[in-house]
Amino acid sequence: MYGPLLSSPYVVAMDDAGYVYVANAPQVSNPQGSILVFAPGLNGEVAPIQVISGSSTMLAAPTGIAVH
């Protein structure tokens, strides 16, 4: 069900709390790309808990992630 949100993910990062961040390629429905955030401990086909995207984020085909 949530697989279509992923479109050629460029990089995956995990923070100290176990949250997983995915830099996602642009899509027809979201030409800027996005950062998807998944909760710790999830397994299988699950929805991200947060999708960071849109013109106010100034993302343009994100190809890296730094988590602190």
PDB file of N, CA and C in Angstrom:
ATOM      1  N   MET A   1       0.814  -1.203   0.000  1.00  0.00           N
ATOM      2  CA  MET A   1       0.000   0.000   0.000  1.00  0.00           C
ATOM      3  C   MET A   1       0.858   1.267   0.000  1.00  0.00           C
ATOM      4  N   TYR A   2       1.944   1.290   0.740  1.00  0.00           N
ATOM      5  CA  TYR A   2       2.750   2.500   0.850  1.00  0.00           C
ATOM      6  C   TYR A   2       3.967   2.491  -0.055  1.00  0.00           C
ATOM      7  N   GLY A   3       4.231   1.375  -0.713  1.00  0.00           N
ATOM      8  CA  GLY A   3       5.357   1.257  -1.616  1.00  0.00           C
ATOM      9  C   GLY A   3       5.465   2.362  -2.647  1.00  0.00           C
ATOM     10  N   PRO A   4       4.347   2.824  -3.246  1.00  0.00           N
ATOM     11  CA  PRO A   4       4.450   3.883  -4.256  1.00  0.00           C
ATOM     12  C   PRO A   4       5.083   5.177  -3.754  1.00  0.00           C
ATOM     13  N   LEU A   5       5.159   5.362  -2.436  1.00  0.00           N
ATOM     14  CA  LEU A   5       5.841   6.558  -1.922  1.00  0.00           C
ATOM     15  C   LEU A   5       7.337   6.509  -2.189  1.00  0.00           C
ATOM     16  N   LEU A   6       7.902   5.308  -2.297  1.00  0.00           N
ATOM     17  CA  LEU A   6       9.322   5.171  -2.584  1.00  0.00           C
ATOM     18  C   LEU A   6       9.546   5.226  -4.090  1.00  0.00           C
ATOM     19  N   SER A   7      10.505   6.046  -4.482  1.00  0.00           N
ATOM     20  CA  SER A   7      10.828   6.179  -5.898  1.00  0.00           C
ATOM     21  C   SER A   7      12.334   6.335  -6.014  1.00  0.00           C
ATOM     22  N   SER A   8      13.027   5.238  -6.260  1.00  0.00           N
ATOM     23  CA  SER A   8      14.494   5.262  -6.371  1.00  0.00           C
ATOM     24  C   SER A   8      15.142   5.972  -5.190  1.00  0.00           C
ATOM     25  N   PRO A   9      14.975   5.437  -3.978  1.00  0.00           N
ATOM     26  CA  PRO A   9      15.596   6.095  -2.820  1.00  0.00           C
ATOM     27  C   PRO A   9      17.103   6.199  -3.005  1.00  0.00           C
ATOM     28  N   TYR A  10      17.649   7.394  -2.775  1.00  0.00           N
ATOM     29  CA  TYR A  10      19.070   7.655  -2.972  1.00  0.00           C
ATOM     30  C   TYR A  10      19.920   7.209  -1.789  1.00  0.00           C
ATOM     31  N   VAL A  11      19.439   7.457  -0.589  1.00  0.00           N
ATOM     32  CA  VAL A  11      20.228   7.153   0.598  1.00  0.00           C
ATOM     33  C   VAL A  11      19.291   6.910   1.775  1.00  0.00           C
ATOM     34  N   VAL A  12      19.737   6.074   2.697  1.00  0.00           N
ATOM     35  CA  VAL A  12      18.985   5.776   3.911  1.00  0.00           C
ATOM     36  C   VAL A  12      19.902   6.066   5.092  1.00  0.00           C
ATOM     37  N   ALA A  13      19.361   6.712   6.114  1.00  0.00           N
ATOM     38  CA  ALA A  13      20.139   7.015   7.323  1.00  0.00           C
ATOM     39  C   ALA A  13      19.281   6.687   8.544  1.00  0.00           C
ATOM     40  N   MET A  14      19.949   6.380   9.656  1.00  0.00           N
ATOM     41  CA  MET A  14      19.252   6.103  10.904  1.00  0.00           C
ATOM     42  C   MET A  14      19.852   6.970  12.003  1.00  0.00           C
ATOM     43  N   ASP A  15      18.987   7.556  12.828  1.00  0.00           N
ATOM     44  CA  ASP A  15      19.501   8.359  13.937  1.00  0.00           C
ATOM     45  C   ASP A  15      19.684   7.490  15.180  1.00  0.00           C
ATOM     46  N   ASP A  16      20.184   8.093  16.252  1.00  0.00           N
ATOM     47  CA  ASP A  16      20.465   7.352  17.485  1.00  0.00           C
ATOM     48  C   ASP A  16      19.215   6.748  18.120  1.00  0.00           C
ATOM     49  N   ALA A  17      18.049   7.322  17.849  1.00  0.00           N
ATOM     50  CA  ALA A  17      16.803   6.816  18.414  1.00  0.00           C
ATOM     51  C   ALA A  17      16.198   5.695  17.564  1.00  0.00           C
ATOM     52  N   GLY A  18      16.777   5.440  16.401  1.00  0.00           N
ATOM     53  CA  GLY A  18      16.293   4.364  15.550  1.00  0.00           C
ATOM     54  C   GLY A  18      15.345   4.787  14.440  1.00  0.00           C
ATOM     55  N   TYR A  19      15.090   6.083  14.308  1.00  0.00           N
ATOM     56  CA  TYR A  19      14.261   6.563  13.207  1.00  0.00           C
ATOM     57  C   TYR A  19      15.040   6.417  11.906  1.00  0.00           C
ATOM     58  N   VAL A  20      14.352   6.000  10.851  1.00  0.00           N
ATOM     59  CA  VAL A  20      14.978   5.785   9.557  1.00  0.00           C
ATOM     60  C   VAL A  20      14.524   6.889   8.612  1.00  0.00           C
ATOM     61  N   TYR A  21      15.487   7.508   7.927  1.00  0.00           N
ATOM     62  CA  TYR A  21      15.236   8.609   6.994  1.00  0.00           C
ATOM     63  C   TYR A  21      15.639   8.157   5.600  1.00  0.00           C
ATOM     64  N   VAL A  22      14.766   8.401   4.623  1.00  0.00           N
ATOM     65  CA  VAL A  22      15.023   7.986   3.246  1.00  0.00           C
ATOM     66  C   VAL A  22      14.949   9.213   2.342  1.00  0.00           C
ATOM     67  N   ALA A  23      16.044   9.502   1.626  1.00  0.00           N
ATOM     68  CA  ALA A  23      16.034  10.566   0.609  1.00  0.00           C
ATOM     69  C   ALA A  23      15.438   9.954  -0.648  1.00  0.00           C
ATOM     70  N   ASN A  24      14.318  10.470  -1.073  1.00  0.00           N
ATOM     71  CA  ASN A  24      13.521   9.883  -2.138  1.00  0.00           C
ATOM     72  C   ASN A  24      13.616  10.714  -3.410  1.00  0.00           C
ATOM     73  N   ALA A  25      13.741  10.044  -4.542  1.00  0.00           N
ATOM     74  CA  ALA A  25      13.826  10.714  -5.842  1.00  0.00           C
ATOM     75  C   ALA A  25      12.527  11.440  -6.165  1.00  0.00           C
ATOM     76  N   PRO A  26      12.608  12.445  -7.014  1.00  0.00           N
ATOM     77  CA  PRO A  26      11.375  13.119  -7.459  1.00  0.00           C
ATOM     78  C   PRO A  26      10.440  12.136  -8.163  1.00  0.00           C
ATOM     79  N   GLN A  27       9.150  12.443  -8.079  1.00  0.00           N
ATOM     80  CA  GLN A  27       8.118  11.647  -8.737  1.00  0.00           C
ATOM     81  C   GLN A  27       7.209  12.594  -9.504  1.00  0.00           C
ATOM     82  N   VAL A  28       6.378  12.054 -10.339  1.00  0.00           N
ATOM     83  CA  VAL A  28       5.419  12.889 -11.063  1.00  0.00           C
ATOM     84  C   VAL A  28       4.537  13.648 -10.076  1.00  0.00           C
ATOM     85  N   SER A  29       4.100  12.967  -9.020  1.00  0.00           N
ATOM     86  CA  SER A  29       3.224  13.604  -8.026  1.00  0.00           C
ATOM     87  C   SER A  29       3.977  14.535  -7.079  1.00  0.00           C
ATOM     88  N   ASN A  30       5.299  14.428  -7.033  1.00  0.00           N
ATOM     89  CA  ASN A  30       6.116  15.261  -6.149  1.00  0.00           C
ATOM     90  C   ASN A  30       7.447  15.545  -6.841  1.00  0.00           C
ATOM     91  N   PRO A  31       7.490  16.519  -7.741  1.00  0.00           N
ATOM     92  CA  PRO A  31       8.697  16.748  -8.551  1.00  0.00           C
ATOM     93  C   PRO A  31       9.918  17.246  -7.770  1.00  0.00           C
ATOM     94  N   GLN A  32       9.762  17.659  -6.514  1.00  0.00           N
ATOM     95  CA  GLN A  32      10.902  18.108  -5.723  1.00  0.00           C
ATOM     96  C   GLN A  32      11.599  16.971  -4.999  1.00  0.00           C
ATOM     97  N   GLY A  33      11.006  15.810  -4.932  1.00  0.00           N
ATOM     98  CA  GLY A  33      11.546  14.738  -4.103  1.00  0.00           C
ATOM     99  C   GLY A  33      11.056  14.892  -2.678  1.00  0.00           C
ATOM    100  N   SER A  34      11.523  14.013  -1.798  1.00  0.00           N
ATOM    101  CA  SER A  34      11.043  14.054  -0.422  1.00  0.00           C
ATOM    102  C   SER A  34      12.006  13.326   0.499  1.00  0.00           C
ATOM    103  N   ILE A  35      11.813  13.551   1.783  1.00  0.00           N
ATOM    104  CA  ILE A  35      12.463  12.776   2.828  1.00  0.00           C
ATOM    105  C   ILE A  35      11.339  12.043   3.555  1.00  0.00           C
ATOM    106  N   LEU A  36      11.438  10.725   3.607  1.00  0.00           N
ATOM    107  CA  LEU A  36      10.451   9.922   4.326  1.00  0.00           C
ATOM    108  C   LEU A  36      11.049   9.513   5.660  1.00  0.00           C
ATOM    109  N   VAL A  37      10.261   9.583   6.728  1.00  0.00           N
ATOM    110  CA  VAL A  37      10.727   9.235   8.068  1.00  0.00           C
ATOM    111  C   VAL A  37       9.896   8.051   8.561  1.00  0.00           C
ATOM    112  N   PHE A  38      10.602   6.990   8.994  1.00  0.00           N
ATOM    113  CA  PHE A  38       9.949   5.792   9.510  1.00  0.00           C
ATOM    114  C   PHE A  38      10.303   5.607  10.975  1.00  0.00           C
ATOM    115  N   ALA A  39       9.325   5.159  11.761  1.00  0.00           N
ATOM    116  CA  ALA A  39       9.509   4.970  13.202  1.00  0.00           C
ATOM    117  C   ALA A  39      10.445   3.798  13.487  1.00  0.00           C
ATOM    118  N   PRO A  40      11.104   3.827  14.643  1.00  0.00           N
ATOM    119  CA  PRO A  40      11.987   2.715  15.020  1.00  0.00           C
ATOM    120  C   PRO A  40      11.216   1.403  15.151  1.00  0.00           C
ATOM    121  N   GLY A  41      11.867   0.315  14.770  1.00  0.00           N
ATOM    122  CA  GLY A  41      11.328  -1.013  14.992  1.00  0.00           C
ATOM    123  C   GLY A  41      10.274  -1.481  14.010  1.00  0.00           C
ATOM    124  N   LEU A  42       9.949  -0.672  13.025  1.00  0.00           N
ATOM    125  CA  LEU A  42       8.930  -1.098  12.064  1.00  0.00           C
ATOM    126  C   LEU A  42       9.508  -2.131  11.114  1.00  0.00           C
ATOM    127  N   ASN A  43       8.632  -2.951  10.565  1.00  0.00           N
ATOM    128  CA  ASN A  43       9.069  -4.029   9.690  1.00  0.00           C
ATOM    129  C   ASN A  43       8.010  -4.243   8.619  1.00  0.00           C
ATOM    130  N   GLY A  44       8.425  -4.451   7.398  1.00  0.00           N
ATOM    131  CA  GLY A  44       7.488  -4.730   6.320  1.00  0.00           C
ATOM    132  C   GLY A  44       7.017  -3.465   5.631  1.00  0.00           C
ATOM    133  N   GLU A  45       5.883  -3.570   4.972  1.00  0.00           N
ATOM    134  CA  GLU A  45       5.331  -2.459   4.199  1.00  0.00           C
ATOM    135  C   GLU A  45       4.503  -1.565   5.113  1.00  0.00           C
ATOM    136  N   VAL A  46       5.104  -0.470   5.564  1.00  0.00           N
ATOM    137  CA  VAL A  46       4.462   0.426   6.522  1.00  0.00           C
ATOM    138  C   VAL A  46       4.511   1.857   6.011  1.00  0.00           C
ATOM    139  N   ALA A  47       3.625   2.656   6.519  1.00  0.00           N
ATOM    140  CA  ALA A  47       3.583   4.064   6.150  1.00  0.00           C
ATOM    141  C   ALA A  47       4.663   4.834   6.893  1.00  0.00           C
ATOM    142  N   PRO A  48       5.248   5.833   6.250  1.00  0.00           N
ATOM    143  CA  PRO A  48       6.163   6.705   6.988  1.00  0.00           C
ATOM    144  C   PRO A  48       5.365   7.516   8.010  1.00  0.00           C
ATOM    145  N   ILE A  49       6.019   7.872   9.110  1.00  0.00           N
ATOM    146  CA  ILE A  49       5.331   8.690  10.116  1.00  0.00           C
ATOM    147  C   ILE A  49       5.380  10.161   9.738  1.00  0.00           C
ATOM    148  N   GLN A  50       6.279  10.510   8.813  1.00  0.00           N
ATOM    149  CA  GLN A  50       6.385  11.883   8.348  1.00  0.00           C
ATOM    150  C   GLN A  50       6.927  11.887   6.926  1.00  0.00           C
ATOM    151  N   VAL A  51       6.383  12.768   6.097  1.00  0.00           N
ATOM    152  CA  VAL A  51       6.886  12.985   4.743  1.00  0.00           C
ATOM    153  C   VAL A  51       7.275  14.452   4.659  1.00  0.00           C
ATOM    154  N   ILE A  52       8.541  14.714   4.421  1.00  0.00           N
ATOM    155  CA  ILE A  52       9.039  16.079   4.308  1.00  0.00           C
ATOM    156  C   ILE A  52       9.159  16.379   2.822  1.00  0.00           C
ATOM    157  N   SER A  53       8.328  17.293   2.338  1.00  0.00           N
ATOM    158  CA  SER A  53       8.329  17.627   0.919  1.00  0.00           C
ATOM    159  C   SER A  53       7.617  18.957   0.722  1.00  0.00           C
ATOM    160  N   GLY A  54       7.618  19.416  -0.492  1.00  0.00           N
ATOM    161  CA  GLY A  54       6.911  20.643  -0.833  1.00  0.00           C
ATOM    162  C   GLY A  54       7.855  21.792  -1.102  1.00  0.00           C
ATOM    163  N   SER A  55       7.319  22.826  -1.709  1.00  0.00           N
ATOM    164  CA  SER A  55       8.143  23.955  -2.142  1.00  0.00           C
ATOM    165  C   SER A  55       8.795  24.700  -0.978  1.00  0.00           C
ATOM    166  N   SER A  56       8.183  24.722   0.197  1.00  0.00           N
ATOM    167  CA  SER A  56       8.770  25.451   1.328  1.00  0.00           C
ATOM    168  C   SER A  56      10.001  24.747   1.910  1.00  0.00           C
ATOM    169  N   THR A  57      10.212  23.463   1.580  1.00  0.00           N
ATOM    170  CA  THR A  57      11.383  22.731   2.090  1.00  0.00           C
ATOM    171  C   THR A  57      12.642  23.035   1.289  1.00  0.00           C
ATOM    172  N   MET A  58      12.471  23.541   0.062  1.00  0.00           N
ATOM    173  CA  MET A  58      13.569  23.836  -0.858  1.00  0.00           C
ATOM    174  C   MET A  58      14.336  22.575  -1.245  1.00  0.00           C
ATOM    175  N   LEU A  59      13.699  21.406  -1.151  1.00  0.00           N
ATOM    176  CA  LEU A  59      14.316  20.169  -1.620  1.00  0.00           C
ATOM    177  C   LEU A  59      14.281  20.150  -3.147  1.00  0.00           C
ATOM    178  N   ALA A  60      15.349  19.667  -3.720  1.00  0.00           N
ATOM    179  CA  ALA A  60      15.417  19.482  -5.177  1.00  0.00           C
ATOM    180  C   ALA A  60      16.193  18.194  -5.420  1.00  0.00           C
ATOM    181  N   ALA A  61      15.492  17.095  -5.546  1.00  0.00           N
ATOM    182  CA  ALA A  61      16.118  15.778  -5.752  1.00  0.00           C
ATOM    183  C   ALA A  61      17.172  15.499  -4.694  1.00  0.00           C
ATOM    184  N   PRO A  62      16.762  15.329  -3.420  1.00  0.00           N
ATOM    185  CA  PRO A  62      17.723  15.094  -2.341  1.00  0.00           C
ATOM    186  C   PRO A  62      18.549  13.813  -2.581  1.00  0.00           C
ATOM    187  N   THR A  63      19.847  13.939  -2.430  1.00  0.00           N
ATOM    188  CA  THR A  63      20.738  12.788  -2.655  1.00  0.00           C
ATOM    189  C   THR A  63      21.588  12.471  -1.437  1.00  0.00           C
ATOM    190  N   GLY A  64      21.292  13.083  -0.311  1.00  0.00           N
ATOM    191  CA  GLY A  64      22.028  12.804   0.905  1.00  0.00           C
ATOM    192  C   GLY A  64      21.228  13.220   2.127  1.00  0.00           C
ATOM    193  N   ILE A  65      21.615  12.665   3.258  1.00  0.00           N
ATOM    194  CA  ILE A  65      20.960  12.992   4.526  1.00  0.00           C
ATOM    195  C   ILE A  65      22.026  13.050   5.608  1.00  0.00           C
ATOM    196  N   ALA A  66      21.933  14.036   6.470  1.00  0.00           N
ATOM    197  CA  ALA A  66      22.778  14.095   7.663  1.00  0.00           C
ATOM    198  C   ALA A  66      21.832  14.144   8.860  1.00  0.00           C
ATOM    199  N   VAL A  67      21.958  13.214   9.772  1.00  0.00           N
ATOM    200  CA  VAL A  67      21.129  13.212  10.972  1.00  0.00           C
ATOM    201  C   VAL A  67      22.029  13.457  12.180  1.00  0.00           C
ATOM    202  N   HIS A  68      21.518  14.240  13.113  1.00  0.00           N
ATOM    203  CA  HIS A  68      22.294  14.604  14.309  1.00  0.00           C
ATOM    204  C   HIS A  68      21.501  14.277  15.552  1.00  0.00           C
TER     205      HIS A  68
END
